[in-house]
Amino acid sequence: MILTFDIGTTASKTCLYSITDKIELLSTHISEFHIITTSDGGVEQNVEDWWSAICEGTKSVLSSTMTRPNDIKGIGFCSQMQGTVMVDENGNSLRNPMIWLDTRSTNQIEKHLFKGLIKLEGMNAIKVLKFLNITGGAAGTAKDPIWKYLWVKDNEPEIFKKTYKWLDVKDYLTTRCTGEFKQTYGSAHLTWVFDTRPTKLKWSKSLCKTFGINMSHLPEVVKSTDIIGNLTPAAASDMGLIEGIPVFGGGGDASMIPIGAGCVDLFDTHIYVGTSGWIVSIVDERWVDLKNFIASILKTVIS
């Protein structure tokens, strides 16, 4: 049996599956949580709300199926993407995460990307071409995590000074489960400082230098299918499980939903409508169209 969690914008969905010669859904639970808005365009959530929802969901699906904690053989996460969670050396969140809806970083994107004599689609041509060459896309809106990171750097220096790692939503939760500071390829790509060229696949020193990113804040990058660690005694106690259960890297919503929609072959396409929305096609190389705001996201599993 495996436990899976989908941490969305408004709720956590917990699912318990049995895997034999087939995959069978045994039980589900939904726990809602709040969004915190600020007058300057901020949109945040509380990590304790996420964690409480995960713990509540775990206990619910175990109870409803009379499943023993030692029957659980693996844990996986999916979540909203493009959040910014600043944590200390113990994995504690230093401030409420700025989620994907947060738009307060307008000064940061204006300063670092929109200024310049020569522009391409309204962006500094030299910098956007560097983005395109290294990442296959560009951090073109104030919602992108790189600008949120710089907003904290500019506006909350004491918090920034205490920061050990910069994580996305899912990767904060896997860290909380395991104590391991790791991030999957999809999350890393959407920071827009990760080199997605097939022969590279690593954090870009050049982009970090250009935009003032401290590379020590960047976690190890792993595959979504990797076991990144095992459930700690503290996390197991909170969740009503036993310690040592393997926790996998998992993936973000934009990476995992195509699989759930059955879109796994070249050019398979799906339309997603939720708190946000998108159209995604599976491609086998980096595609980009700045004018129409289209870019490729590195697939979750690197083969």
C-alpha atoms as a PDB file:
ATOM      1  CA  MET A   1       0.000   0.000   0.000  1.00  0.00           C
ATOM      2  CA  ILE A   2       1.152   3.546  -0.706  1.00  0.00           C
ATOM      3  CA  LEU A   3       0.046   6.957   0.516  1.00  0.00           C
ATOM      4  CA  THR A   4      -0.090   9.905  -1.862  1.00  0.00           C
ATOM      5  CA  PHE A   5      -0.775  13.581  -1.206  1.00  0.00           C
ATOM      6  CA  ASP A   6      -1.779  16.371  -3.596  1.00  0.00           C
ATOM      7  CA  ILE A   7      -1.282  19.773  -1.985  1.00  0.00           C
ATOM      8  CA  GLY A   8      -3.317  22.188  -4.088  1.00  0.00           C
ATOM      9  CA  THR A   9      -4.075  25.873  -3.686  1.00  0.00           C
ATOM     10  CA  THR A  10      -7.164  25.376  -1.546  1.00  0.00           C
ATOM     11  CA  ALA A  11      -6.973  21.824  -0.194  1.00  0.00           C
ATOM     12  CA  SER A  12      -4.910  18.698   0.380  1.00  0.00           C
ATOM     13  CA  LYS A  13      -6.095  15.461  -1.180  1.00  0.00           C
ATOM     14  CA  THR A  14      -4.912  12.234   0.467  1.00  0.00           C
ATOM     15  CA  CYS A  15      -5.213   8.900  -1.350  1.00  0.00           C
ATOM     16  CA  LEU A  16      -4.455   5.360  -0.176  1.00  0.00           C
ATOM     17  CA  TYR A  17      -3.658   2.865  -2.947  1.00  0.00           C
ATOM     18  CA  SER A  18      -3.103  -0.861  -3.034  1.00  0.00           C
ATOM     19  CA  ILE A  19      -0.611  -2.069  -5.636  1.00  0.00           C
ATOM     20  CA  THR A  20      -0.643  -5.719  -6.705  1.00  0.00           C
ATOM     21  CA  ASP A  21      -1.027  -6.736 -10.335  1.00  0.00           C
ATOM     22  CA  LYS A  22      -3.211  -3.622 -10.563  1.00  0.00           C
ATOM     23  CA  ILE A  23      -3.509  -0.266  -8.815  1.00  0.00           C
ATOM     24  CA  GLU A  24      -6.615   0.098  -6.653  1.00  0.00           C
ATOM     25  CA  LEU A  25      -7.776   3.276  -4.911  1.00  0.00           C
ATOM     26  CA  LEU A  26      -8.901   2.294  -1.400  1.00  0.00           C
ATOM     27  CA  SER A  27      -9.749   5.604   0.261  1.00  0.00           C
ATOM     28  CA  THR A  28      -9.535   9.373  -0.149  1.00  0.00           C
ATOM     29  CA  HIS A  29      -9.775  12.404   2.118  1.00  0.00           C
ATOM     30  CA  ILE A  30      -9.900  16.152   1.414  1.00  0.00           C
ATOM     31  CA  SER A  31      -8.769  18.770   3.924  1.00  0.00           C
ATOM     32  CA  GLU A  32      -9.240  22.428   3.037  1.00  0.00           C
ATOM     33  CA  PHE A  33      -7.002  25.307   4.110  1.00  0.00           C
ATOM     34  CA  HIS A  34      -6.876  29.086   3.856  1.00  0.00           C
ATOM     35  CA  ILE A  35      -5.168  31.583   1.587  1.00  0.00           C
ATOM     36  CA  ILE A  36      -3.666  34.692   3.208  1.00  0.00           C
ATOM     37  CA  THR A  37      -3.676  37.867   1.088  1.00  0.00           C
ATOM     38  CA  THR A  38      -1.847  41.138   1.680  1.00  0.00           C
ATOM     39  CA  SER A  39      -2.615  44.619   0.381  1.00  0.00           C
ATOM     40  CA  ASP A  40       0.526  44.736  -1.785  1.00  0.00           C
ATOM     41  CA  GLY A  41      -0.401  41.708  -3.922  1.00  0.00           C
ATOM     42  CA  GLY A  42       0.937  39.037  -1.598  1.00  0.00           C
ATOM     43  CA  VAL A  43      -0.679  35.610  -1.479  1.00  0.00           C
ATOM     44  CA  GLU A  44       0.608  33.270   1.211  1.00  0.00           C
ATOM     45  CA  GLN A  45      -0.221  30.080   3.067  1.00  0.00           C
ATOM     46  CA  ASN A  46       0.807  28.641   6.420  1.00  0.00           C
ATOM     47  CA  VAL A  47       2.990  25.519   6.335  1.00  0.00           C
ATOM     48  CA  GLU A  48       1.252  24.244   9.473  1.00  0.00           C
ATOM     49  CA  ASP A  49      -2.046  24.242   7.571  1.00  0.00           C
ATOM     50  CA  TRP A  50      -0.455  22.040   4.899  1.00  0.00           C
ATOM     51  CA  TRP A  51       1.042  19.724   7.499  1.00  0.00           C
ATOM     52  CA  SER A  52      -2.170  19.465   9.543  1.00  0.00           C
ATOM     53  CA  ALA A  53      -4.083  18.592   6.374  1.00  0.00           C
ATOM     54  CA  ILE A  54      -1.577  15.855   5.517  1.00  0.00           C
ATOM     55  CA  CYS A  55      -1.726  14.375   9.013  1.00  0.00           C
ATOM     56  CA  GLU A  56      -5.526  14.544   9.117  1.00  0.00           C
ATOM     57  CA  GLY A  57      -5.791  12.894   5.706  1.00  0.00           C
ATOM     58  CA  THR A  58      -3.376  10.119   6.625  1.00  0.00           C
ATOM     59  CA  LYS A  59      -5.238   9.196   9.783  1.00  0.00           C
ATOM     60  CA  SER A  60      -8.579   9.325   7.961  1.00  0.00           C
ATOM     61  CA  VAL A  61      -7.666   6.941   5.126  1.00  0.00           C
ATOM     62  CA  LEU A  62      -5.951   4.509   7.495  1.00  0.00           C
ATOM     63  CA  SER A  63      -8.942   4.497   9.818  1.00  0.00           C
ATOM     64  CA  SER A  64     -11.576   4.134   7.093  1.00  0.00           C
ATOM     65  CA  THR A  65      -9.810   1.086   5.630  1.00  0.00           C
ATOM     66  CA  MET A  66      -8.528  -0.371   8.939  1.00  0.00           C
ATOM     67  CA  THR A  67      -5.019  -0.239   7.454  1.00  0.00           C
ATOM     68  CA  ARG A  68      -2.083  -0.762   9.810  1.00  0.00           C
ATOM     69  CA  PRO A  69       0.713   1.836   9.668  1.00  0.00           C
ATOM     70  CA  ASN A  70       3.312  -0.837   8.921  1.00  0.00           C
ATOM     71  CA  ASP A  71       1.374  -1.802   5.770  1.00  0.00           C
ATOM     72  CA  ILE A  72       2.417   1.489   4.126  1.00  0.00           C
ATOM     73  CA  LYS A  73       5.446   0.851   1.913  1.00  0.00           C
ATOM     74  CA  GLY A  74       5.885   4.235   0.249  1.00  0.00           C
ATOM     75  CA  ILE A  75       4.836   7.906   0.265  1.00  0.00           C
ATOM     76  CA  GLY A  76       4.606  10.277  -2.702  1.00  0.00           C
ATOM     77  CA  PHE A  77       3.684  13.946  -3.156  1.00  0.00           C
ATOM     78  CA  CYS A  78       2.224  16.155  -5.865  1.00  0.00           C
ATOM     79  CA  SER A  79       1.589  19.853  -5.289  1.00  0.00           C
ATOM     80  CA  GLN A  80       1.012  23.340  -6.570  1.00  0.00           C
ATOM     81  CA  MET A  81       4.209  24.748  -8.097  1.00  0.00           C
ATOM     82  CA  GLN A  82       6.161  28.015  -8.128  1.00  0.00           C
ATOM     83  CA  GLY A  83       5.912  28.643  -4.410  1.00  0.00           C
ATOM     84  CA  THR A  84       8.782  30.093  -2.376  1.00  0.00           C
ATOM     85  CA  VAL A  85       9.499  28.487   0.990  1.00  0.00           C
ATOM     86  CA  MET A  86      12.548  29.843   2.825  1.00  0.00           C
ATOM     87  CA  VAL A  87      13.763  27.414   5.496  1.00  0.00           C
ATOM     88  CA  ASP A  88      16.498  27.281   8.123  1.00  0.00           C
ATOM     89  CA  GLU A  89      19.019  24.478   8.712  1.00  0.00           C
ATOM     90  CA  ASN A  90      16.402  22.450  10.601  1.00  0.00           C
ATOM     91  CA  GLY A  91      13.897  22.726   7.758  1.00  0.00           C
ATOM     92  CA  ASN A  92      11.694  25.197   9.627  1.00  0.00           C
ATOM     93  CA  SER A  93       9.853  27.717   7.455  1.00  0.00           C
ATOM     94  CA  LEU A  94      11.139  31.216   8.223  1.00  0.00           C
ATOM     95  CA  ARG A  95       8.037  33.002   6.909  1.00  0.00           C
ATOM     96  CA  ASN A  96       4.717  32.112   5.321  1.00  0.00           C
ATOM     97  CA  PRO A  97       5.384  30.674   1.848  1.00  0.00           C
ATOM     98  CA  MET A  98       4.659  32.996  -1.056  1.00  0.00           C
ATOM     99  CA  ILE A  99       2.554  30.774  -3.332  1.00  0.00           C
ATOM    100  CA  TRP A 100       2.216  30.897  -7.109  1.00  0.00           C
ATOM    101  CA  LEU A 101      -0.520  33.575  -6.983  1.00  0.00           C
ATOM    102  CA  ASP A 102       1.745  36.096  -5.226  1.00  0.00           C
ATOM    103  CA  THR A 103       2.460  39.146  -7.423  1.00  0.00           C
ATOM    104  CA  ARG A 104       4.201  41.564  -5.060  1.00  0.00           C
ATOM    105  CA  SER A 105       7.628  41.133  -6.753  1.00  0.00           C
ATOM    106  CA  THR A 106       6.896  43.774  -9.423  1.00  0.00           C
ATOM    107  CA  ASN A 107       9.852  45.948  -8.409  1.00  0.00           C
ATOM    108  CA  GLN A 108      12.216  42.982  -8.619  1.00  0.00           C
ATOM    109  CA  ILE A 109      11.188  41.898 -12.124  1.00  0.00           C
ATOM    110  CA  GLU A 110      11.227  45.523 -13.284  1.00  0.00           C
ATOM    111  CA  LYS A 111      14.733  46.085 -11.929  1.00  0.00           C
ATOM    112  CA  HIS A 112      16.301  42.812 -13.050  1.00  0.00           C
ATOM    113  CA  LEU A 113      14.514  41.984 -16.307  1.00  0.00           C
ATOM    114  CA  PHE A 114      12.472  44.831 -17.780  1.00  0.00           C
ATOM    115  CA  LYS A 115      15.149  47.558 -17.801  1.00  0.00           C
ATOM    116  CA  GLY A 116      17.491  47.907 -20.772  1.00  0.00           C
ATOM    117  CA  LEU A 117      17.946  49.792 -24.036  1.00  0.00           C
ATOM    118  CA  ILE A 118      17.390  46.776 -26.270  1.00  0.00           C
ATOM    119  CA  LYS A 119      14.269  44.750 -25.514  1.00  0.00           C
ATOM    120  CA  LEU A 120      12.673  41.527 -26.693  1.00  0.00           C
ATOM    121  CA  GLU A 121       8.937  41.225 -25.955  1.00  0.00           C
ATOM    122  CA  GLY A 122       9.376  43.947 -23.317  1.00  0.00           C
ATOM    123  CA  MET A 123      12.306  42.252 -21.579  1.00  0.00           C
ATOM    124  CA  ASN A 124      16.003  43.074 -21.497  1.00  0.00           C
ATOM    125  CA  ALA A 125      17.233  41.336 -24.651  1.00  0.00           C
ATOM    126  CA  ILE A 126      20.576  40.172 -23.260  1.00  0.00           C
ATOM    127  CA  LYS A 127      19.062  38.707 -20.119  1.00  0.00           C
ATOM    128  CA  VAL A 128      16.087  37.073 -21.795  1.00  0.00           C
ATOM    129  CA  LEU A 129      18.345  35.476 -24.417  1.00  0.00           C
ATOM    130  CA  LYS A 130      20.489  34.108 -21.586  1.00  0.00           C
ATOM    131  CA  PHE A 131      17.342  32.719 -19.941  1.00  0.00           C
ATOM    132  CA  LEU A 132      16.247  31.126 -23.220  1.00  0.00           C
ATOM    133  CA  ASN A 133      19.607  29.562 -23.948  1.00  0.00           C
ATOM    134  CA  ILE A 134      20.069  28.066 -20.490  1.00  0.00           C
ATOM    135  CA  THR A 135      16.522  27.241 -19.336  1.00  0.00           C
ATOM    136  CA  GLY A 136      14.482  27.104 -22.539  1.00  0.00           C
ATOM    137  CA  GLY A 137      12.110  29.758 -21.180  1.00  0.00           C
ATOM    138  CA  ALA A 138      12.098  32.897 -19.058  1.00  0.00           C
ATOM    139  CA  ALA A 139      10.805  34.172 -15.706  1.00  0.00           C
ATOM    140  CA  GLY A 140       8.429  36.598 -17.391  1.00  0.00           C
ATOM    141  CA  THR A 141       5.979  37.473 -14.585  1.00  0.00           C
ATOM    142  CA  ALA A 142       6.155  38.623 -10.978  1.00  0.00           C
ATOM    143  CA  LYS A 143       4.678  35.247  -9.994  1.00  0.00           C
ATOM    144  CA  ASP A 144       7.902  33.425 -10.865  1.00  0.00           C
ATOM    145  CA  PRO A 145       9.871  32.166  -7.823  1.00  0.00           C
ATOM    146  CA  ILE A 146      13.137  33.918  -8.701  1.00  0.00           C
ATOM    147  CA  TRP A 147      11.491  37.305  -8.176  1.00  0.00           C
ATOM    148  CA  LYS A 148       9.865  36.198  -4.886  1.00  0.00           C
ATOM    149  CA  TYR A 149      13.267  35.056  -3.661  1.00  0.00           C
ATOM    150  CA  LEU A 150      14.691  38.478  -4.522  1.00  0.00           C
ATOM    151  CA  TRP A 151      11.692  40.186  -2.875  1.00  0.00           C
ATOM    152  CA  VAL A 152      12.570  38.469   0.405  1.00  0.00           C
ATOM    153  CA  LYS A 153      16.217  39.435  -0.108  1.00  0.00           C
ATOM    154  CA  ASP A 154      15.267  43.089  -0.640  1.00  0.00           C
ATOM    155  CA  ASN A 155      12.457  43.439   1.901  1.00  0.00           C
ATOM    156  CA  GLU A 156      13.179  40.959   4.683  1.00  0.00           C
ATOM    157  CA  PRO A 157      16.989  40.886   5.082  1.00  0.00           C
ATOM    158  CA  GLU A 158      16.863  39.287   8.530  1.00  0.00           C
ATOM    159  CA  ILE A 159      14.840  36.356   7.209  1.00  0.00           C
ATOM    160  CA  PHE A 160      17.067  36.118   4.145  1.00  0.00           C
ATOM    161  CA  LYS A 161      20.133  36.044   6.371  1.00  0.00           C
ATOM    162  CA  LYS A 162      18.750  33.007   8.253  1.00  0.00           C
ATOM    163  CA  THR A 163      17.833  31.145   5.061  1.00  0.00           C
ATOM    164  CA  TYR A 164      19.508  27.783   4.539  1.00  0.00           C
ATOM    165  CA  LYS A 165      17.534  26.526   1.529  1.00  0.00           C
ATOM    166  CA  TRP A 166      14.967  27.876  -0.939  1.00  0.00           C
ATOM    167  CA  LEU A 167      12.295  25.236  -1.648  1.00  0.00           C
ATOM    168  CA  ASP A 168       9.039  24.813  -3.548  1.00  0.00           C
ATOM    169  CA  VAL A 169       5.862  23.555  -1.833  1.00  0.00           C
ATOM    170  CA  LYS A 170       6.273  19.817  -2.472  1.00  0.00           C
ATOM    171  CA  ASP A 171       9.949  19.890  -1.673  1.00  0.00           C
ATOM    172  CA  TYR A 172       9.334  21.607   1.662  1.00  0.00           C
ATOM    173  CA  LEU A 173       6.928  18.803   2.552  1.00  0.00           C
ATOM    174  CA  THR A 174       9.283  15.997   1.534  1.00  0.00           C
ATOM    175  CA  THR A 175      11.997  17.743   3.560  1.00  0.00           C
ATOM    176  CA  ARG A 176       9.660  17.863   6.543  1.00  0.00           C
ATOM    177  CA  CYS A 177       8.987  14.144   6.131  1.00  0.00           C
ATOM    178  CA  THR A 178      12.615  13.081   5.733  1.00  0.00           C
ATOM    179  CA  GLY A 179      14.962  15.823   6.900  1.00  0.00           C
ATOM    180  CA  GLU A 180      16.566  15.719   3.425  1.00  0.00           C
ATOM    181  CA  PHE A 181      16.829  19.007   1.498  1.00  0.00           C
ATOM    182  CA  LYS A 182      16.127  17.833  -2.047  1.00  0.00           C
ATOM    183  CA  GLN A 183      14.110  19.068  -5.023  1.00  0.00           C
ATOM    184  CA  THR A 184      12.858  17.396  -8.189  1.00  0.00           C
ATOM    185  CA  TYR A 185      13.698  18.505 -11.730  1.00  0.00           C
ATOM    186  CA  GLY A 186      10.332  20.165 -12.405  1.00  0.00           C
ATOM    187  CA  SER A 187      10.539  22.328  -9.278  1.00  0.00           C
ATOM    188  CA  ALA A 188      14.151  23.235 -10.028  1.00  0.00           C
ATOM    189  CA  HIS A 189      13.338  24.212 -13.613  1.00  0.00           C
ATOM    190  CA  LEU A 190      10.594  26.630 -12.576  1.00  0.00           C
ATOM    191  CA  THR A 191      12.986  28.634 -10.424  1.00  0.00           C
ATOM    192  CA  TRP A 192      14.405  29.641 -13.854  1.00  0.00           C
ATOM    193  CA  VAL A 193      18.003  29.299 -12.649  1.00  0.00           C
ATOM    194  CA  PHE A 194      18.298  25.608 -13.579  1.00  0.00           C
ATOM    195  CA  ASP A 195      20.184  24.635 -16.749  1.00  0.00           C
ATOM    196  CA  THR A 196      17.852  22.341 -18.727  1.00  0.00           C
ATOM    197  CA  ARG A 197      20.204  21.668 -21.632  1.00  0.00           C
ATOM    198  CA  PRO A 198      20.410  17.860 -22.006  1.00  0.00           C
ATOM    199  CA  THR A 199      24.151  17.759 -21.334  1.00  0.00           C
ATOM    200  CA  LYS A 200      23.913  20.047 -18.281  1.00  0.00           C
ATOM    201  CA  LEU A 201      20.895  19.466 -15.982  1.00  0.00           C
ATOM    202  CA  LYS A 202      22.278  21.426 -13.054  1.00  0.00           C
ATOM    203  CA  TRP A 203      22.007  24.800 -11.355  1.00  0.00           C
ATOM    204  CA  SER A 204      23.313  27.587 -13.583  1.00  0.00           C
ATOM    205  CA  LYS A 205      26.202  29.531 -12.052  1.00  0.00           C
ATOM    206  CA  SER A 206      25.820  32.125 -14.797  1.00  0.00           C
ATOM    207  CA  LEU A 207      22.136  32.861 -14.102  1.00  0.00           C
ATOM    208  CA  CYS A 208      22.694  32.868 -10.349  1.00  0.00           C
ATOM    209  CA  LYS A 209      25.485  35.424 -10.762  1.00  0.00           C
ATOM    210  CA  THR A 210      23.377  37.571 -13.113  1.00  0.00           C
ATOM    211  CA  PHE A 211      20.421  37.759 -10.718  1.00  0.00           C
ATOM    212  CA  GLY A 212      22.191  37.615  -7.347  1.00  0.00           C
ATOM    213  CA  ILE A 213      21.080  34.122  -6.280  1.00  0.00           C
ATOM    214  CA  ASN A 214      23.087  32.534  -3.460  1.00  0.00           C
ATOM    215  CA  MET A 215      23.864  29.046  -4.805  1.00  0.00           C
ATOM    216  CA  SER A 216      24.199  27.627  -1.300  1.00  0.00           C
ATOM    217  CA  HIS A 217      20.427  28.142  -0.999  1.00  0.00           C
ATOM    218  CA  LEU A 218      19.785  25.682  -3.843  1.00  0.00           C
ATOM    219  CA  PRO A 219      19.063  22.057  -2.845  1.00  0.00           C
ATOM    220  CA  GLU A 220      20.222  18.837  -4.481  1.00  0.00           C
ATOM    221  CA  VAL A 221      18.112  17.978  -7.541  1.00  0.00           C
ATOM    222  CA  VAL A 222      16.736  14.439  -7.928  1.00  0.00           C
ATOM    223  CA  LYS A 223      14.336  12.433 -10.105  1.00  0.00           C
ATOM    224  CA  SER A 224      10.696  12.177  -9.114  1.00  0.00           C
ATOM    225  CA  THR A 225      11.111   8.396  -8.899  1.00  0.00           C
ATOM    226  CA  ASP A 226      14.084   8.600  -6.522  1.00  0.00           C
ATOM    227  CA  ILE A 227      13.703   7.698  -2.864  1.00  0.00           C
ATOM    228  CA  ILE A 228      14.898  10.925  -1.297  1.00  0.00           C
ATOM    229  CA  GLY A 229      14.794   9.704   2.293  1.00  0.00           C
ATOM    230  CA  ASN A 230      12.798   7.871   4.934  1.00  0.00           C
ATOM    231  CA  LEU A 231      10.057   9.088   7.238  1.00  0.00           C
ATOM    232  CA  THR A 232      11.576  10.524  10.412  1.00  0.00           C
ATOM    233  CA  PRO A 233      10.337   9.559  13.885  1.00  0.00           C
ATOM    234  CA  ALA A 234       8.863  13.063  14.382  1.00  0.00           C
ATOM    235  CA  ALA A 235       6.989  13.056  11.068  1.00  0.00           C
ATOM    236  CA  ALA A 236       5.799   9.483  11.630  1.00  0.00           C
ATOM    237  CA  SER A 237       4.432  10.414  15.059  1.00  0.00           C
ATOM    238  CA  ASP A 238       2.515  13.392  13.622  1.00  0.00           C
ATOM    239  CA  MET A 239       1.059  11.353  10.764  1.00  0.00           C
ATOM    240  CA  GLY A 240       0.211   8.219  12.738  1.00  0.00           C
ATOM    241  CA  LEU A 241       2.696   6.121  10.770  1.00  0.00           C
ATOM    242  CA  ILE A 242       5.917   4.266  11.528  1.00  0.00           C
ATOM    243  CA  GLU A 243       9.357   5.700  10.918  1.00  0.00           C
ATOM    244  CA  GLY A 244      11.498   4.578   8.001  1.00  0.00           C
ATOM    245  CA  ILE A 245       8.839   4.514   5.247  1.00  0.00           C
ATOM    246  CA  PRO A 246      10.468   5.509   1.902  1.00  0.00           C
ATOM    247  CA  VAL A 247       9.479   8.960   0.607  1.00  0.00           C
ATOM    248  CA  PHE A 248       9.792   9.529  -3.141  1.00  0.00           C
ATOM    249  CA  GLY A 249      10.638  12.758  -4.936  1.00  0.00           C
ATOM    250  CA  GLY A 250       7.172  13.157  -6.470  1.00  0.00           C
ATOM    251  CA  GLY A 251       6.298  15.986  -8.813  1.00  0.00           C
ATOM    252  CA  GLY A 252       4.529  19.275  -9.293  1.00  0.00           C
ATOM    253  CA  ASP A 253       0.997  19.520 -10.635  1.00  0.00           C
ATOM    254  CA  ALA A 254       1.966  20.628 -14.147  1.00  0.00           C
ATOM    255  CA  SER A 255       4.324  17.659 -14.393  1.00  0.00           C
ATOM    256  CA  MET A 256       2.078  15.003 -12.853  1.00  0.00           C
ATOM    257  CA  ILE A 257      -1.350  15.923 -14.216  1.00  0.00           C
ATOM    258  CA  PRO A 258      -0.464  14.894 -17.801  1.00  0.00           C
ATOM    259  CA  ILE A 259       0.233  11.379 -16.491  1.00  0.00           C
ATOM    260  CA  GLY A 260      -3.098  11.330 -14.648  1.00  0.00           C
ATOM    261  CA  ALA A 261      -4.811  12.532 -17.827  1.00  0.00           C
ATOM    262  CA  GLY A 262      -3.225   9.690 -19.794  1.00  0.00           C
ATOM    263  CA  CYS A 263      -1.005  12.028 -21.808  1.00  0.00           C
ATOM    264  CA  VAL A 264       2.312  10.191 -21.968  1.00  0.00           C
ATOM    265  CA  ASP A 265       3.060   9.919 -25.696  1.00  0.00           C
ATOM    266  CA  LEU A 266       4.558  12.530 -27.999  1.00  0.00           C
ATOM    267  CA  PHE A 267       2.126  15.400 -28.727  1.00  0.00           C
ATOM    268  CA  ASP A 268      -0.592  14.042 -26.413  1.00  0.00           C
ATOM    269  CA  THR A 269      -2.427  17.153 -25.185  1.00  0.00           C
ATOM    270  CA  HIS A 270      -4.710  17.937 -22.263  1.00  0.00           C
ATOM    271  CA  ILE A 271      -6.580  20.976 -20.944  1.00  0.00           C
ATOM    272  CA  TYR A 272      -6.560  21.567 -17.190  1.00  0.00           C
ATOM    273  CA  VAL A 273      -9.103  23.752 -15.379  1.00  0.00           C
ATOM    274  CA  GLY A 274      -8.701  24.280 -11.631  1.00  0.00           C
ATOM    275  CA  THR A 275      -7.651  27.224  -9.477  1.00  0.00           C
ATOM    276  CA  SER A 276      -5.403  27.957 -12.431  1.00  0.00           C
ATOM    277  CA  GLY A 277      -5.565  26.536 -15.941  1.00  0.00           C
ATOM    278  CA  TRP A 278      -3.357  25.501 -18.843  1.00  0.00           C
ATOM    279  CA  ILE A 279      -2.983  23.563 -22.054  1.00  0.00           C
ATOM    280  CA  VAL A 280      -0.047  21.123 -22.097  1.00  0.00           C
ATOM    281  CA  SER A 281       1.386  18.949 -24.872  1.00  0.00           C
ATOM    282  CA  ILE A 282       4.141  16.376 -24.547  1.00  0.00           C
ATOM    283  CA  VAL A 283       7.211  17.320 -26.611  1.00  0.00           C
ATOM    284  CA  ASP A 284      10.658  15.764 -26.933  1.00  0.00           C
ATOM    285  CA  GLU A 285      12.710  18.963 -27.098  1.00  0.00           C
ATOM    286  CA  ARG A 286      12.635  22.470 -25.666  1.00  0.00           C
ATOM    287  CA  TRP A 287      10.012  24.665 -27.343  1.00  0.00           C
ATOM    288  CA  VAL A 288       9.423  28.338 -26.638  1.00  0.00           C
ATOM    289  CA  ASP A 289       7.198  31.135 -27.983  1.00  0.00           C
ATOM    290  CA  LEU A 290       7.742  34.369 -26.059  1.00  0.00           C
ATOM    291  CA  LYS A 291       5.015  36.315 -27.837  1.00  0.00           C
ATOM    292  CA  ASN A 292       2.322  33.786 -26.924  1.00  0.00           C
ATOM    293  CA  PHE A 293       3.825  32.988 -23.516  1.00  0.00           C
ATOM    294  CA  ILE A 294       4.553  29.341 -24.282  1.00  0.00           C
ATOM    295  CA  ALA A 295       7.537  27.444 -22.888  1.00  0.00           C
ATOM    296  CA  SER A 296       8.542  23.882 -22.079  1.00  0.00           C
ATOM    297  CA  ILE A 297       8.761  22.500 -18.539  1.00  0.00           C
ATOM    298  CA  LEU A 298      11.390  19.858 -17.906  1.00  0.00           C
ATOM    299  CA  LYS A 299       9.649  16.532 -17.531  1.00  0.00           C
ATOM    300  CA  THR A 300       9.401  15.129 -14.026  1.00  0.00           C
ATOM    301  CA  VAL A 301      11.411  11.961 -14.613  1.00  0.00           C
ATOM    302  CA  ILE A 302      14.778  12.205 -16.354  1.00  0.00           C
ATOM    303  CA  SER A 303      15.561   8.931 -18.126  1.00  0.00           C
END
